[in-house]
Amino acid sequence: MFELIDRFKAEAADRCGKIEQLLTEMKTADSPTETADKIRDHAHKLKGAAGVLGFPELKDRAAELEEVAASQAAAADGKTAEGAIRPVASAVEAVLPD
């Protein structure tokens, strides 16, 4: 079980890094909708794994990020990338480890 948790922690750190990278890319993305969708996908996978392995706080925060990213992806058409970033950035900060 400890090996599985160690693997999860490594994957979670990798996902968080990718989410941070996507957030940076969102600032200049031609399609913030597409970038928000990618963030949502990473958050969804992080949420599921955290829930299965018994990390409820991380699961809840990842669920929040997933929800925010999904709503921003839906609303990003016609919005500036900067406007789409603010709520996602706040949710990313909540998910990332201190």
Protein backbone atom coordinates (compact mmCIF):
# COMPACT_ATOMS: atom_id res chain seq x y z
CA MET A 1 0.00 0.00 0.00
CA PHE A 2 2.84 2.41 0.80
CA GLU A 3 4.28 1.88 -2.66
CA LEU A 4 0.94 2.83 -4.20
CA ILE A 5 0.75 5.99 -2.08
CA ASP A 6 4.32 6.93 -3.00
CA ARG A 7 3.48 6.49 -6.67
CA PHE A 8 0.33 8.60 -6.22
CA LYS A 9 2.33 11.38 -4.56
CA ALA A 10 4.78 11.43 -7.47
CA GLU A 11 1.96 11.46 -10.02
CA ALA A 12 0.10 14.16 -8.09
CA ALA A 13 3.21 16.35 -8.05
CA ASP A 14 3.60 15.78 -11.80
CA ARG A 15 -0.06 16.67 -12.44
CA CYS A 16 0.22 19.81 -10.33
CA GLY A 17 3.28 20.83 -12.33
CA LYS A 18 1.37 20.30 -15.57
CA ILE A 19 -1.57 22.30 -14.22
CA GLU A 20 0.76 25.17 -13.33
CA GLN A 21 2.29 25.02 -16.81
CA LEU A 22 -1.13 25.04 -18.44
CA LEU A 23 -2.16 28.00 -16.32
CA THR A 24 0.88 29.90 -17.58
CA GLU A 25 0.09 28.87 -21.16
CA MET A 26 -3.50 30.03 -20.72
CA LYS A 27 -2.29 33.63 -20.57
CA THR A 28 -1.21 33.53 -24.20
CA ALA A 29 -3.38 30.71 -25.51
CA ASP A 30 -5.33 31.25 -28.68
CA SER A 31 -8.02 29.13 -27.07
CA PRO A 32 -8.31 29.46 -23.29
CA THR A 33 -11.22 27.03 -23.58
CA GLU A 34 -8.93 24.24 -24.77
CA THR A 35 -6.39 24.98 -22.04
CA ALA A 36 -9.08 25.06 -19.34
CA ASP A 37 -10.31 21.69 -20.63
CA LYS A 38 -6.83 20.23 -20.16
CA ILE A 39 -6.68 21.65 -16.62
CA ARG A 40 -10.09 20.13 -15.93
CA ASP A 41 -8.91 16.75 -17.15
CA HIS A 42 -5.84 16.77 -14.88
CA ALA A 43 -7.97 17.90 -11.94
CA HIS A 44 -10.50 15.14 -12.59
CA LYS A 45 -7.80 12.45 -12.55
CA LEU A 46 -6.21 13.95 -9.44
CA LYS A 47 -9.60 14.03 -7.71
CA GLY A 48 -10.31 10.39 -8.50
CA ALA A 49 -6.95 9.08 -7.34
CA ALA A 50 -7.01 11.21 -4.18
CA GLY A 51 -10.48 9.91 -3.34
CA VAL A 52 -9.57 6.26 -3.84
CA LEU A 53 -6.38 6.54 -1.78
CA GLY A 54 -7.95 8.44 1.12
CA PHE A 55 -6.82 12.03 0.67
CA PRO A 56 -10.17 13.80 1.16
CA GLU A 57 -8.85 17.36 1.35
CA LEU A 58 -6.91 17.00 -1.89
CA LYS A 59 -9.93 15.29 -3.48
CA ASP A 60 -12.18 18.20 -2.50
CA ARG A 61 -9.74 20.82 -3.75
CA ALA A 62 -9.21 18.98 -7.02
CA ALA A 63 -12.99 18.73 -7.40
CA GLU A 64 -13.21 22.51 -6.95
CA LEU A 65 -10.51 23.01 -9.59
CA GLU A 66 -12.30 20.64 -11.94
CA GLU A 67 -15.56 22.55 -11.51
CA VAL A 68 -13.96 25.97 -11.95
CA ALA A 69 -11.97 24.88 -14.99
CA ALA A 70 -15.07 23.31 -16.57
CA SER A 71 -17.10 26.47 -16.04
CA GLN A 72 -14.28 28.64 -17.37
CA ALA A 73 -13.92 26.40 -20.41
CA ALA A 74 -17.62 26.80 -21.09
CA ALA A 75 -17.52 30.56 -20.54
CA ALA A 76 -14.15 31.32 -22.16
CA ASP A 77 -15.55 31.83 -25.63
CA GLY A 78 -15.42 35.56 -26.16
CA LYS A 79 -13.59 36.15 -22.87
CA THR A 80 -10.02 37.24 -22.67
CA ALA A 81 -7.57 34.62 -21.47
CA GLU A 82 -6.83 36.82 -18.45
CA GLY A 83 -10.48 36.80 -17.42
CA ALA A 84 -10.59 33.02 -17.69
CA ILE A 85 -7.40 32.60 -15.67
CA ARG A 86 -8.31 34.31 -12.40
CA PRO A 87 -10.77 31.73 -11.02
CA VAL A 88 -8.69 28.80 -12.26
CA ALA A 89 -5.52 30.29 -10.73
CA SER A 90 -7.21 30.56 -7.34
CA ALA A 91 -8.31 26.92 -7.53
CA VAL A 92 -4.82 25.80 -8.62
CA GLU A 93 -3.30 27.53 -5.60
CA ALA A 94 -5.70 25.60 -3.38
CA VAL A 95 -4.63 22.25 -4.89
CA LEU A 96 -0.88 22.78 -4.94
CA PRO A 97 1.02 21.62 -1.88
CA ASP A 98 2.47 24.30 0.37
